[in-house]
Amino acid sequence: MIFDPSDHPYRKTYHLMTSLIVPRPVAWISTVSADGVNNLAPYSYFTGVSSNPPVLAVSIARRRDKPHVKDTLANIRDTGFFAVNSVPVSLGNAMVVTAQDEPPETDEFSLAGLTPISCEKISCPRIKESPAAMECKMLKWVDVGENHPGSSVLILGEILLFHLDDGIMDGDRINLSKLDPLGRLNNNFYTRLSEIFEL
């Protein structure tokens, strides 16, 4: 089979990409609006970029049917800061709640029954229940594609501070079995670590 994206609606390309680029880590991004409203949403087009300086990248897709940008993107652009929280399997259901499309005045922490806790170097909160979080400062954003459904904005963020729960650590290393990270697959499917092996 040959698939040429230019011959198909972007949603078919999206489903193909999210079926092949797997598993993906989930960036559970917390922000605060210029008006002081907390926001929380998951994104799985997410990866590390550099270790010196420590930089990560997250892609935030434009809305399919609305003219305004997602709250996460608006808040990052307005304040310049965001936190990336880890999603252990135990918090999967809460994460799904925060993926809903809510109006900007909705506080997703409250909606999902999660506790916002102050960060140390940035203005937005992180998730108290998450075993790991990264405080980030936006370095730049890159518009990818025209301003239409399926296009996105790539955010590069410098990690200013890591928060690591002692319970996931073995000395100075993270024990992935203890972290128990949720991995995104396609549609509404997710995965967890079931076997770790060395090559």
N, C-alpha and C. Protein backbone atom coordinates (compact mmCIF):
# COMPACT_ATOMS: atom_id res chain seq x y z
N MET A 1 0.84 -1.19 0.00
CA MET A 1 0.00 0.00 0.00
C MET A 1 0.88 1.25 0.00
N ILE A 2 0.54 2.21 -0.80
CA ILE A 2 1.21 3.51 -0.83
C ILE A 2 0.18 4.55 -0.40
N PHE A 3 0.57 5.41 0.50
CA PHE A 3 -0.35 6.45 0.99
C PHE A 3 0.30 7.82 0.75
N ASP A 4 -0.32 8.63 -0.05
CA ASP A 4 0.17 9.97 -0.33
C ASP A 4 -0.72 10.96 0.42
N PRO A 5 -0.17 11.65 1.44
CA PRO A 5 -1.00 12.57 2.24
C PRO A 5 -1.73 13.60 1.41
N SER A 6 -1.16 13.99 0.28
CA SER A 6 -1.80 15.03 -0.53
C SER A 6 -3.08 14.55 -1.20
N ASP A 7 -3.30 13.23 -1.18
CA ASP A 7 -4.50 12.67 -1.80
C ASP A 7 -5.63 12.40 -0.81
N HIS A 8 -5.41 12.73 0.47
CA HIS A 8 -6.38 12.35 1.50
C HIS A 8 -6.67 13.51 2.45
N PRO A 9 -7.83 13.47 3.12
CA PRO A 9 -8.11 14.46 4.17
C PRO A 9 -7.08 14.31 5.30
N TYR A 10 -6.77 15.42 5.96
CA TYR A 10 -5.71 15.39 6.98
C TYR A 10 -6.03 14.43 8.11
N ARG A 11 -7.30 14.17 8.40
CA ARG A 11 -7.64 13.26 9.51
C ARG A 11 -7.13 11.85 9.24
N LYS A 12 -7.13 11.42 7.97
CA LYS A 12 -6.59 10.09 7.64
C LYS A 12 -5.09 10.06 7.88
N THR A 13 -4.41 11.15 7.52
CA THR A 13 -2.97 11.24 7.78
C THR A 13 -2.70 11.24 9.27
N TYR A 14 -3.50 11.97 10.02
CA TYR A 14 -3.36 12.01 11.48
C TYR A 14 -3.48 10.60 12.07
N HIS A 15 -4.51 9.86 11.66
CA HIS A 15 -4.70 8.51 12.21
C HIS A 15 -3.55 7.58 11.83
N LEU A 16 -3.02 7.74 10.63
CA LEU A 16 -1.88 6.93 10.21
C LEU A 16 -0.65 7.27 11.05
N MET A 17 -0.38 8.56 11.24
CA MET A 17 0.79 8.98 12.03
C MET A 17 0.68 8.50 13.47
N THR A 18 -0.52 8.64 14.06
CA THR A 18 -0.66 8.25 15.47
C THR A 18 -0.70 6.74 15.66
N SER A 19 -0.81 6.00 14.57
CA SER A 19 -0.71 4.55 14.65
C SER A 19 0.72 4.06 14.46
N LEU A 20 1.55 4.87 13.78
CA LEU A 20 2.93 4.47 13.51
C LEU A 20 3.93 5.08 14.49
N ILE A 21 3.66 6.27 14.98
CA ILE A 21 4.57 6.92 15.92
C ILE A 21 4.11 6.56 17.33
N VAL A 22 4.45 5.35 17.75
CA VAL A 22 3.97 4.81 19.02
C VAL A 22 5.07 4.02 19.72
N PRO A 23 5.00 3.85 21.02
CA PRO A 23 4.14 4.62 21.91
C PRO A 23 4.71 6.03 22.10
N ARG A 24 3.85 6.97 22.44
CA ARG A 24 4.29 8.35 22.64
C ARG A 24 4.14 8.71 24.11
N PRO A 25 5.11 9.41 24.68
CA PRO A 25 4.93 9.90 26.05
C PRO A 25 3.88 11.01 26.05
N VAL A 26 3.27 11.22 27.18
CA VAL A 26 2.25 12.25 27.30
C VAL A 26 2.80 13.42 28.11
N ALA A 27 2.75 14.60 27.52
CA ALA A 27 3.10 15.82 28.24
C ALA A 27 1.80 16.38 28.82
N TRP A 28 1.64 16.25 30.11
CA TRP A 28 0.45 16.78 30.79
C TRP A 28 0.80 18.21 31.18
N ILE A 29 0.36 19.16 30.38
CA ILE A 29 0.84 20.53 30.51
C ILE A 29 -0.09 21.37 31.37
N SER A 30 0.50 21.96 32.39
CA SER A 30 -0.25 22.89 33.23
C SER A 30 0.23 24.31 32.94
N THR A 31 -0.73 25.21 32.84
CA THR A 31 -0.46 26.62 32.60
C THR A 31 -1.41 27.45 33.45
N VAL A 32 -1.21 28.75 33.41
CA VAL A 32 -2.17 29.67 34.04
C VAL A 32 -2.39 30.81 33.06
N SER A 33 -3.63 31.27 32.97
CA SER A 33 -3.94 32.36 32.05
C SER A 33 -3.49 33.69 32.63
N ALA A 34 -3.50 34.70 31.79
CA ALA A 34 -3.16 36.05 32.26
C ALA A 34 -4.15 36.52 33.32
N ASP A 35 -5.35 35.93 33.31
CA ASP A 35 -6.37 36.27 34.30
C ASP A 35 -6.30 35.41 35.55
N GLY A 36 -5.33 34.49 35.61
CA GLY A 36 -5.14 33.68 36.81
C GLY A 36 -5.92 32.38 36.85
N VAL A 37 -6.46 31.93 35.71
CA VAL A 37 -7.21 30.67 35.67
C VAL A 37 -6.26 29.53 35.32
N ASN A 38 -6.23 28.50 36.16
CA ASN A 38 -5.38 27.34 35.91
C ASN A 38 -5.92 26.52 34.74
N ASN A 39 -5.01 25.93 33.97
CA ASN A 39 -5.39 25.10 32.83
C ASN A 39 -4.52 23.85 32.84
N LEU A 40 -5.11 22.74 32.39
CA LEU A 40 -4.39 21.47 32.38
C LEU A 40 -4.88 20.66 31.18
N ALA A 41 -3.94 20.18 30.34
CA ALA A 41 -4.32 19.40 29.16
C ALA A 41 -3.16 18.50 28.73
N PRO A 42 -3.48 17.31 28.19
CA PRO A 42 -2.44 16.38 27.73
C PRO A 42 -2.14 16.52 26.24
N TYR A 43 -0.85 16.32 25.90
CA TYR A 43 -0.39 16.38 24.51
C TYR A 43 0.61 15.25 24.29
N SER A 44 0.46 14.52 23.17
CA SER A 44 1.37 13.40 22.95
C SER A 44 2.29 13.58 21.76
N TYR A 45 2.25 14.73 21.09
CA TYR A 45 3.30 15.06 20.14
C TYR A 45 4.35 15.81 20.94
N PHE A 46 5.23 15.04 21.59
CA PHE A 46 6.09 15.58 22.65
C PHE A 46 7.40 14.80 22.68
N THR A 47 8.52 15.53 22.84
CA THR A 47 9.81 14.85 22.91
C THR A 47 10.87 15.75 23.52
N GLY A 48 12.00 15.16 23.86
CA GLY A 48 13.17 15.94 24.26
C GLY A 48 13.93 16.39 23.03
N VAL A 49 14.64 17.52 23.16
CA VAL A 49 15.36 18.11 22.03
C VAL A 49 16.85 18.26 22.33
N SER A 50 17.18 18.70 23.54
CA SER A 50 18.57 18.99 23.89
C SER A 50 18.74 18.79 25.38
N SER A 51 19.97 18.42 25.79
CA SER A 51 20.26 18.26 27.22
C SER A 51 21.09 19.41 27.78
N ASN A 52 21.72 20.18 26.90
CA ASN A 52 22.54 21.30 27.35
C ASN A 52 22.44 22.44 26.34
N PRO A 53 21.46 23.35 26.52
CA PRO A 53 20.52 23.44 27.64
C PRO A 53 19.44 22.37 27.54
N PRO A 54 18.81 22.04 28.67
CA PRO A 54 17.73 21.06 28.63
C PRO A 54 16.48 21.66 27.98
N VAL A 55 16.11 21.13 26.82
CA VAL A 55 15.00 21.68 26.05
C VAL A 55 14.09 20.55 25.61
N LEU A 56 12.79 20.78 25.69
CA LEU A 56 11.81 19.83 25.19
C LEU A 56 10.95 20.52 24.14
N ALA A 57 10.23 19.72 23.38
CA ALA A 57 9.34 20.24 22.35
C ALA A 57 7.98 19.60 22.49
N VAL A 58 6.96 20.40 22.30
CA VAL A 58 5.59 19.89 22.28
C VAL A 58 4.84 20.58 21.15
N SER A 59 4.06 19.80 20.43
CA SER A 59 3.27 20.34 19.32
C SER A 59 1.82 20.44 19.76
N ILE A 60 1.26 21.63 19.57
CA ILE A 60 -0.13 21.88 19.94
C ILE A 60 -0.92 22.12 18.66
N ALA A 61 -1.81 21.18 18.35
CA ALA A 61 -2.58 21.27 17.10
C ALA A 61 -3.60 22.39 17.19
N ARG A 62 -3.86 22.99 16.05
CA ARG A 62 -4.91 24.00 15.98
C ARG A 62 -6.27 23.31 16.06
N ARG A 63 -7.24 24.04 16.54
CA ARG A 63 -8.59 23.49 16.67
C ARG A 63 -9.19 23.17 15.30
N ARG A 64 -10.01 22.14 15.27
CA ARG A 64 -10.64 21.74 14.01
C ARG A 64 -11.76 22.68 13.59
N ASP A 65 -12.52 23.18 14.57
CA ASP A 65 -13.76 23.86 14.21
C ASP A 65 -13.96 25.20 14.92
N LYS A 66 -12.89 25.72 15.54
CA LYS A 66 -13.04 26.97 16.26
C LYS A 66 -11.94 27.92 15.84
N PRO A 67 -12.23 29.21 15.82
CA PRO A 67 -11.23 30.17 15.33
C PRO A 67 -10.12 30.48 16.34
N HIS A 68 -10.39 30.28 17.63
CA HIS A 68 -9.38 30.64 18.62
C HIS A 68 -8.43 29.46 18.92
N VAL A 69 -7.27 29.78 19.48
CA VAL A 69 -6.28 28.74 19.78
C VAL A 69 -6.65 28.04 21.08
N LYS A 70 -6.04 26.89 21.30
CA LYS A 70 -6.27 26.16 22.54
C LYS A 70 -5.76 26.97 23.73
N ASP A 71 -6.40 26.78 24.87
CA ASP A 71 -6.05 27.54 26.08
C ASP A 71 -4.58 27.36 26.45
N THR A 72 -4.06 26.14 26.30
CA THR A 72 -2.66 25.89 26.63
C THR A 72 -1.74 26.80 25.83
N LEU A 73 -1.97 26.85 24.54
CA LEU A 73 -1.14 27.68 23.67
C LEU A 73 -1.29 29.16 24.00
N ALA A 74 -2.52 29.60 24.20
CA ALA A 74 -2.75 31.01 24.55
C ALA A 74 -2.03 31.38 25.84
N ASN A 75 -2.10 30.50 26.83
CA ASN A 75 -1.47 30.78 28.12
C ASN A 75 0.05 30.81 28.02
N ILE A 76 0.62 29.88 27.25
CA ILE A 76 2.08 29.86 27.08
C ILE A 76 2.54 31.12 26.36
N ARG A 77 1.81 31.51 25.33
CA ARG A 77 2.17 32.72 24.60
C ARG A 77 2.05 33.96 25.50
N ASP A 78 1.00 33.99 26.33
CA ASP A 78 0.76 35.17 27.17
C ASP A 78 1.73 35.30 28.34
N THR A 79 2.09 34.15 28.95
CA THR A 79 2.91 34.20 30.16
C THR A 79 4.35 33.77 29.93
N GLY A 80 4.60 32.93 28.91
CA GLY A 80 5.95 32.44 28.63
C GLY A 80 6.35 31.22 29.43
N PHE A 81 5.42 30.65 30.21
CA PHE A 81 5.79 29.53 31.09
C PHE A 81 4.77 28.40 31.02
N PHE A 82 5.26 27.18 31.32
CA PHE A 82 4.39 26.01 31.43
C PHE A 82 5.13 24.93 32.20
N ALA A 83 4.38 24.01 32.77
CA ALA A 83 4.95 22.85 33.45
C ALA A 83 4.50 21.59 32.73
N VAL A 84 5.43 20.64 32.58
CA VAL A 84 5.11 19.35 32.00
C VAL A 84 5.11 18.33 33.12
N ASN A 85 3.95 17.73 33.36
CA ASN A 85 3.77 16.76 34.44
C ASN A 85 3.74 15.35 33.87
N SER A 86 4.34 14.40 34.58
CA SER A 86 4.29 13.00 34.15
C SER A 86 2.92 12.41 34.41
N VAL A 87 2.54 11.45 33.57
CA VAL A 87 1.25 10.78 33.72
C VAL A 87 1.50 9.31 34.05
N PRO A 88 1.45 8.94 35.33
CA PRO A 88 1.51 7.51 35.64
C PRO A 88 0.16 6.86 35.31
N VAL A 89 0.17 5.57 35.13
CA VAL A 89 -1.06 4.85 34.80
C VAL A 89 -2.17 5.15 35.81
N SER A 90 -1.80 5.31 37.08
CA SER A 90 -2.81 5.55 38.12
C SER A 90 -3.57 6.86 37.93
N LEU A 91 -3.02 7.80 37.16
CA LEU A 91 -3.70 9.07 36.92
C LEU A 91 -4.30 9.16 35.52
N GLY A 92 -4.37 8.02 34.83
CA GLY A 92 -4.88 8.02 33.46
C GLY A 92 -6.29 8.56 33.33
N ASN A 93 -7.19 8.15 34.21
CA ASN A 93 -8.57 8.63 34.12
C ASN A 93 -8.66 10.13 34.35
N ALA A 94 -7.89 10.64 35.28
CA ALA A 94 -7.88 12.09 35.53
C ALA A 94 -7.34 12.83 34.31
N MET A 95 -6.33 12.25 33.66
CA MET A 95 -5.77 12.87 32.47
C MET A 95 -6.82 12.98 31.36
N VAL A 96 -7.61 11.92 31.19
CA VAL A 96 -8.64 11.92 30.16
C VAL A 96 -9.66 13.03 30.42
N VAL A 97 -10.00 13.25 31.68
CA VAL A 97 -10.93 14.33 32.02
C VAL A 97 -10.38 15.68 31.55
N THR A 98 -9.08 15.87 31.70
CA THR A 98 -8.49 17.17 31.32
C THR A 98 -8.31 17.32 29.81
N ALA A 99 -8.56 16.25 29.06
CA ALA A 99 -8.45 16.32 27.60
C ALA A 99 -9.73 16.86 26.96
N GLN A 100 -10.78 17.02 27.77
CA GLN A 100 -12.04 17.51 27.23
C GLN A 100 -11.90 18.97 26.79
N ASP A 101 -12.73 19.35 25.85
CA ASP A 101 -12.75 20.72 25.35
C ASP A 101 -13.63 21.56 26.27
N GLU A 102 -13.00 22.37 27.09
CA GLU A 102 -13.71 23.19 28.06
C GLU A 102 -13.49 24.67 27.76
N PRO A 103 -14.39 25.54 28.19
CA PRO A 103 -14.18 26.98 27.99
C PRO A 103 -13.00 27.49 28.80
N PRO A 104 -12.39 28.62 28.38
CA PRO A 104 -11.17 29.13 29.02
C PRO A 104 -11.30 29.39 30.52
N GLU A 105 -12.52 29.66 30.99
CA GLU A 105 -12.69 29.95 32.43
C GLU A 105 -12.75 28.71 33.30
N THR A 106 -12.67 27.51 32.69
CA THR A 106 -12.71 26.26 33.44
C THR A 106 -11.34 25.92 34.00
N ASP A 107 -11.30 25.57 35.27
CA ASP A 107 -10.07 25.11 35.91
C ASP A 107 -10.08 23.58 35.87
N GLU A 108 -9.25 23.00 34.98
CA GLU A 108 -9.24 21.55 34.82
C GLU A 108 -8.67 20.80 36.02
N PHE A 109 -7.86 21.47 36.83
CA PHE A 109 -7.41 20.83 38.08
C PHE A 109 -8.64 20.44 38.91
N SER A 110 -9.53 21.40 39.09
CA SER A 110 -10.74 21.17 39.88
C SER A 110 -11.63 20.13 39.21
N LEU A 111 -11.77 20.22 37.90
CA LEU A 111 -12.61 19.30 37.15
C LEU A 111 -12.15 17.86 37.33
N ALA A 112 -10.83 17.64 37.37
CA ALA A 112 -10.28 16.29 37.45
C ALA A 112 -9.97 15.85 38.89
N GLY A 113 -10.25 16.72 39.86
CA GLY A 113 -9.98 16.38 41.26
C GLY A 113 -8.51 16.34 41.59
N LEU A 114 -7.72 17.18 40.94
CA LEU A 114 -6.27 17.23 41.16
C LEU A 114 -5.89 18.48 41.95
N THR A 115 -4.72 18.44 42.54
CA THR A 115 -4.28 19.53 43.41
C THR A 115 -3.20 20.36 42.73
N PRO A 116 -3.47 21.65 42.48
CA PRO A 116 -2.40 22.51 41.96
C PRO A 116 -1.43 22.87 43.06
N ILE A 117 -0.15 22.82 42.76
CA ILE A 117 0.87 23.19 43.74
C ILE A 117 1.84 24.15 43.05
N SER A 118 2.28 25.15 43.78
CA SER A 118 3.11 26.19 43.18
C SER A 118 4.43 25.64 42.69
N CYS A 119 4.86 26.14 41.53
CA CYS A 119 6.21 25.87 41.05
C CYS A 119 7.16 26.86 41.74
N GLU A 120 8.45 26.65 41.56
CA GLU A 120 9.43 27.50 42.24
C GLU A 120 9.98 28.60 41.35
N LYS A 121 10.10 28.33 40.04
CA LYS A 121 10.73 29.31 39.15
C LYS A 121 9.78 29.90 38.13
N ILE A 122 8.58 29.36 38.04
CA ILE A 122 7.61 29.86 37.05
C ILE A 122 6.28 30.14 37.73
N SER A 123 5.42 30.85 37.02
CA SER A 123 4.19 31.36 37.62
C SER A 123 3.04 30.36 37.65
N CYS A 124 3.07 29.33 36.82
CA CYS A 124 1.94 28.41 36.78
C CYS A 124 2.13 27.26 37.77
N PRO A 125 1.05 26.55 38.12
CA PRO A 125 1.18 25.42 39.05
C PRO A 125 1.59 24.14 38.35
N ARG A 126 1.98 23.16 39.15
CA ARG A 126 2.18 21.80 38.67
C ARG A 126 1.19 20.91 39.41
N ILE A 127 1.15 19.63 39.06
CA ILE A 127 0.20 18.70 39.66
C ILE A 127 0.83 18.03 40.88
N LYS A 128 0.26 18.22 42.03
CA LYS A 128 0.81 17.62 43.25
C LYS A 128 0.85 16.10 43.16
N GLU A 129 -0.17 15.51 42.56
CA GLU A 129 -0.27 14.04 42.50
C GLU A 129 0.68 13.41 41.49
N SER A 130 1.24 14.18 40.61
CA SER A 130 2.16 13.62 39.61
C SER A 130 3.53 13.38 40.23
N PRO A 131 4.17 12.24 39.94
CA PRO A 131 5.46 11.91 40.56
C PRO A 131 6.65 12.67 39.97
N ALA A 132 6.44 13.38 38.87
CA ALA A 132 7.55 14.12 38.25
C ALA A 132 6.99 15.29 37.45
N ALA A 133 7.71 16.39 37.47
CA ALA A 133 7.28 17.56 36.70
C ALA A 133 8.51 18.35 36.29
N MET A 134 8.36 19.08 35.19
CA MET A 134 9.43 19.93 34.69
C MET A 134 8.89 21.35 34.53
N GLU A 135 9.53 22.29 35.19
CA GLU A 135 9.18 23.70 35.04
C GLU A 135 9.87 24.23 33.79
N CYS A 136 9.09 24.84 32.89
CA CYS A 136 9.63 25.25 31.59
C CYS A 136 9.37 26.72 31.26
N LYS A 137 10.34 27.28 30.56
CA LYS A 137 10.21 28.63 30.01
C LYS A 137 10.20 28.50 28.50
N MET A 138 9.22 29.13 27.85
CA MET A 138 9.16 29.05 26.40
C MET A 138 10.36 29.75 25.78
N LEU A 139 11.06 29.05 24.89
CA LEU A 139 12.15 29.65 24.14
C LEU A 139 11.64 30.27 22.85
N LYS A 140 10.80 29.54 22.15
CA LYS A 140 10.21 30.05 20.90
C LYS A 140 9.08 29.14 20.48
N TRP A 141 8.26 29.66 19.58
CA TRP A 141 7.28 28.81 18.94
C TRP A 141 7.44 28.92 17.44
N VAL A 142 7.08 27.84 16.77
CA VAL A 142 7.20 27.76 15.32
C VAL A 142 5.85 27.36 14.75
N ASP A 143 5.29 28.19 13.87
CA ASP A 143 4.06 27.81 13.17
C ASP A 143 4.40 26.74 12.15
N VAL A 144 3.68 25.63 12.21
CA VAL A 144 3.89 24.53 11.27
C VAL A 144 2.63 24.40 10.42
N GLY A 145 2.75 24.75 9.15
CA GLY A 145 1.60 24.72 8.27
C GLY A 145 0.81 26.01 8.33
N GLU A 146 -0.13 26.11 7.44
CA GLU A 146 -1.01 27.27 7.42
C GLU A 146 -1.98 27.19 8.59
N ASN A 147 -2.64 28.28 8.86
CA ASN A 147 -3.58 28.32 9.98
C ASN A 147 -4.89 27.62 9.59
N HIS A 148 -4.83 26.28 9.55
CA HIS A 148 -6.02 25.50 9.19
C HIS A 148 -6.03 24.22 10.02
N PRO A 149 -7.14 23.52 10.07
CA PRO A 149 -7.21 22.28 10.85
C PRO A 149 -6.11 21.30 10.44
N GLY A 150 -5.48 20.71 11.45
CA GLY A 150 -4.40 19.75 11.19
C GLY A 150 -3.03 20.36 11.27
N SER A 151 -2.94 21.68 11.18
CA SER A 151 -1.65 22.33 11.36
C SER A 151 -1.42 22.53 12.86
N SER A 152 -0.24 23.00 13.22
CA SER A 152 0.07 23.07 14.65
C SER A 152 1.08 24.17 14.94
N VAL A 153 1.31 24.35 16.23
CA VAL A 153 2.35 25.26 16.70
C VAL A 153 3.31 24.43 17.54
N LEU A 154 4.58 24.45 17.17
CA LEU A 154 5.63 23.73 17.89
C LEU A 154 6.22 24.66 18.94
N ILE A 155 6.16 24.23 20.19
CA ILE A 155 6.70 25.01 21.30
C ILE A 155 8.01 24.39 21.75
N LEU A 156 9.06 25.19 21.84
CA LEU A 156 10.32 24.76 22.44
C LEU A 156 10.40 25.39 23.82
N GLY A 157 10.62 24.56 24.81
CA GLY A 157 10.69 25.05 26.19
C GLY A 157 11.96 24.61 26.89
N GLU A 158 12.61 25.55 27.56
CA GLU A 158 13.79 25.21 28.36
C GLU A 158 13.34 24.76 29.74
N ILE A 159 13.86 23.62 30.17
CA ILE A 159 13.53 23.09 31.49
C ILE A 159 14.38 23.82 32.53
N LEU A 160 13.70 24.54 33.42
CA LEU A 160 14.39 25.31 34.45
C LEU A 160 14.58 24.52 35.74
N LEU A 161 13.68 23.56 35.99
CA LEU A 161 13.72 22.83 37.25
C LEU A 161 12.96 21.52 37.09
N PHE A 162 13.51 20.45 37.67
CA PHE A 162 12.84 19.15 37.72
C PHE A 162 12.31 18.91 39.13
N HIS A 163 11.12 18.34 39.23
CA HIS A 163 10.57 17.88 40.51
C HIS A 163 10.43 16.37 40.41
N LEU A 164 11.08 15.62 41.28
CA LEU A 164 11.08 14.17 41.23
C LEU A 164 10.71 13.61 42.59
N ASP A 165 9.64 12.84 42.65
CA ASP A 165 9.22 12.21 43.89
C ASP A 165 10.25 11.17 44.30
N ASP A 166 10.61 11.16 45.58
CA ASP A 166 11.61 10.20 46.06
C ASP A 166 11.19 8.75 45.79
N GLY A 167 9.88 8.52 45.72
CA GLY A 167 9.38 7.16 45.53
C GLY A 167 9.66 6.56 44.17
N ILE A 168 10.03 7.38 43.19
CA ILE A 168 10.34 6.83 41.85
C ILE A 168 11.84 6.71 41.61
N MET A 169 12.63 7.07 42.63
CA MET A 169 14.08 7.12 42.44
C MET A 169 14.78 5.87 42.99
N ASP A 170 15.82 5.44 42.27
CA ASP A 170 16.80 4.47 42.77
C ASP A 170 18.13 5.21 42.75
N GLY A 171 18.50 5.76 43.88
CA GLY A 171 19.69 6.60 43.92
C GLY A 171 19.43 7.86 43.13
N ASP A 172 20.28 8.11 42.12
CA ASP A 172 20.08 9.31 41.31
C ASP A 172 19.44 8.98 39.96
N ARG A 173 18.89 7.78 39.81
CA ARG A 173 18.23 7.36 38.57
C ARG A 173 16.75 7.12 38.80
N ILE A 174 15.95 7.42 37.79
CA ILE A 174 14.52 7.13 37.86
C ILE A 174 14.29 5.66 37.57
N ASN A 175 13.52 5.00 38.42
CA ASN A 175 13.12 3.61 38.21
C ASN A 175 11.82 3.65 37.39
N LEU A 176 11.88 3.24 36.13
CA LEU A 176 10.73 3.35 35.25
C LEU A 176 9.55 2.50 35.69
N SER A 177 9.82 1.39 36.35
CA SER A 177 8.73 0.57 36.87
C SER A 177 7.96 1.32 37.96
N LYS A 178 8.68 2.09 38.75
CA LYS A 178 8.02 2.89 39.80
C LYS A 178 7.32 4.11 39.21
N LEU A 179 7.90 4.69 38.17
CA LEU A 179 7.25 5.82 37.51
C LEU A 179 5.96 5.37 36.82
N ASP A 180 5.97 4.17 36.24
CA ASP A 180 4.80 3.55 35.60
C ASP A 180 4.14 4.51 34.60
N PRO A 181 4.89 4.99 33.59
CA PRO A 181 4.36 6.01 32.70
C PRO A 181 3.32 5.46 31.72
N LEU A 182 2.33 6.29 31.46
CA LEU A 182 1.32 5.98 30.48
C LEU A 182 1.86 6.33 29.09
N GLY A 183 1.64 5.47 28.11
CA GLY A 183 2.05 5.73 26.74
C GLY A 183 0.84 5.86 25.84
N ARG A 184 0.85 6.82 24.94
CA ARG A 184 -0.28 7.03 24.03
C ARG A 184 -0.09 6.22 22.77
N LEU A 185 -1.17 5.57 22.34
CA LEU A 185 -1.19 4.85 21.08
C LEU A 185 -2.11 5.61 20.13
N ASN A 186 -2.99 4.93 19.42
CA ASN A 186 -3.92 5.64 18.54
C ASN A 186 -5.33 5.63 19.12
N ASN A 187 -6.20 6.45 18.54
CA ASN A 187 -7.59 6.56 19.00
C ASN A 187 -7.61 6.77 20.52
N ASN A 188 -8.36 5.94 21.24
CA ASN A 188 -8.41 6.06 22.70
C ASN A 188 -7.59 4.98 23.39
N PHE A 189 -6.56 4.47 22.71
CA PHE A 189 -5.77 3.38 23.27
C PHE A 189 -4.46 3.90 23.86
N TYR A 190 -4.08 3.28 24.97
CA TYR A 190 -2.87 3.63 25.70
C TYR A 190 -2.14 2.34 26.05
N THR A 191 -0.92 2.48 26.53
CA THR A 191 -0.16 1.32 26.94
C THR A 191 0.65 1.66 28.19
N ARG A 192 1.15 0.61 28.83
CA ARG A 192 2.05 0.80 29.97
C ARG A 192 3.24 -0.12 29.80
N LEU A 193 4.28 0.11 30.60
CA LEU A 193 5.46 -0.75 30.53
C LEU A 193 5.10 -2.12 31.09
N SER A 194 5.29 -3.15 30.28
CA SER A 194 5.04 -4.51 30.78
C SER A 194 6.32 -5.33 30.82
N GLU A 195 7.29 -4.91 30.03
CA GLU A 195 8.58 -5.61 29.99
C GLU A 195 9.67 -4.61 29.65
N ILE A 196 10.73 -4.63 30.40
CA ILE A 196 11.88 -3.77 30.13
C ILE A 196 13.07 -4.68 29.86
N PHE A 197 13.73 -4.48 28.73
CA PHE A 197 14.88 -5.31 28.42
C PHE A 197 15.98 -4.45 27.81
N GLU A 198 17.20 -4.96 27.88
CA GLU A 198 18.37 -4.21 27.40
C GLU A 198 18.89 -4.80 26.11
N LEU A 199 19.26 -3.92 25.18
CA LEU A 199 19.89 -4.37 23.94
C LEU A 199 21.28 -3.77 23.85
